[in-house]
């Protein structure tokens, strides 16, 4: 299966997952590293990158 770069960017670029409630959040990586981004659902500041399938 061919991977389309536009689709890969849309699905995985700047996407992070909350470590507590597994909610997906799109945010700037620098904001994630500095702890400025918060989860909309549980208000935690701990995220991990989205795993590619």
Protein backbone atom coordinates (compact mmCIF):
# COMPACT_ATOMS: atom_id res chain seq x y z
CA UNK A 1 0.00 0.00 0.00
CA UNK A 2 1.42 3.39 -0.99
CA UNK A 3 1.60 6.03 1.70
CA UNK A 4 0.37 9.45 0.67
CA UNK A 5 2.46 12.23 2.31
CA UNK A 6 -0.50 14.62 2.59
CA UNK A 7 -2.55 12.02 4.43
CA UNK A 8 0.36 11.10 6.72
CA UNK A 9 0.81 14.76 7.68
CA UNK A 10 -2.89 15.22 8.33
CA UNK A 11 -3.11 12.14 10.54
CA UNK A 12 0.17 12.26 12.45
CA UNK A 13 1.76 15.74 12.33
CA UNK A 14 1.62 17.54 15.70
CA UNK A 15 -0.70 14.88 17.17
CA UNK A 16 -0.23 13.80 20.77
CA UNK A 17 -2.12 11.49 23.13
CA UNK A 18 -2.89 12.22 26.78
CA UNK A 19 -1.24 9.61 28.98
CA UNK A 20 -4.16 9.55 31.42
CA UNK A 21 -7.31 9.51 29.28
CA UNK A 22 -5.88 8.69 25.79
CA UNK A 23 -7.51 11.74 24.17
CA UNK A 24 -5.86 12.94 20.95
CA UNK A 25 -4.73 16.57 20.91
CA UNK A 26 -3.14 18.50 18.06
CA UNK A 27 -0.56 20.94 19.41
CA UNK A 28 2.85 22.42 18.70
CA UNK A 29 5.63 20.06 19.90
CA UNK A 30 7.40 22.92 21.71
CA UNK A 31 4.26 23.62 23.77
CA UNK A 32 4.07 19.93 24.69
CA UNK A 33 7.73 19.85 25.77
CA UNK A 34 7.39 23.01 27.85
CA UNK A 35 4.21 21.73 29.53
CA UNK A 36 2.01 24.57 28.25
CA UNK A 37 -0.56 22.34 26.51
CA UNK A 38 -3.40 20.78 28.51
CA UNK A 39 -5.79 17.96 27.78
CA UNK A 40 -9.33 19.16 27.04
CA UNK A 41 -10.89 16.19 28.79
CA UNK A 42 -8.90 15.74 32.02
CA UNK A 43 -6.72 18.93 32.17
CA UNK A 44 -3.46 16.98 32.58
CA UNK A 45 -0.22 18.16 30.93
CA UNK A 46 1.39 14.78 30.20
CA UNK A 47 1.37 13.66 26.55
CA UNK A 48 3.05 11.12 24.30
CA UNK A 49 3.40 11.10 20.50
CA UNK A 50 0.74 9.30 18.47
CA UNK A 51 1.89 5.82 17.37
CA UNK A 52 1.93 5.24 13.62
CA UNK A 53 0.22 2.06 12.50
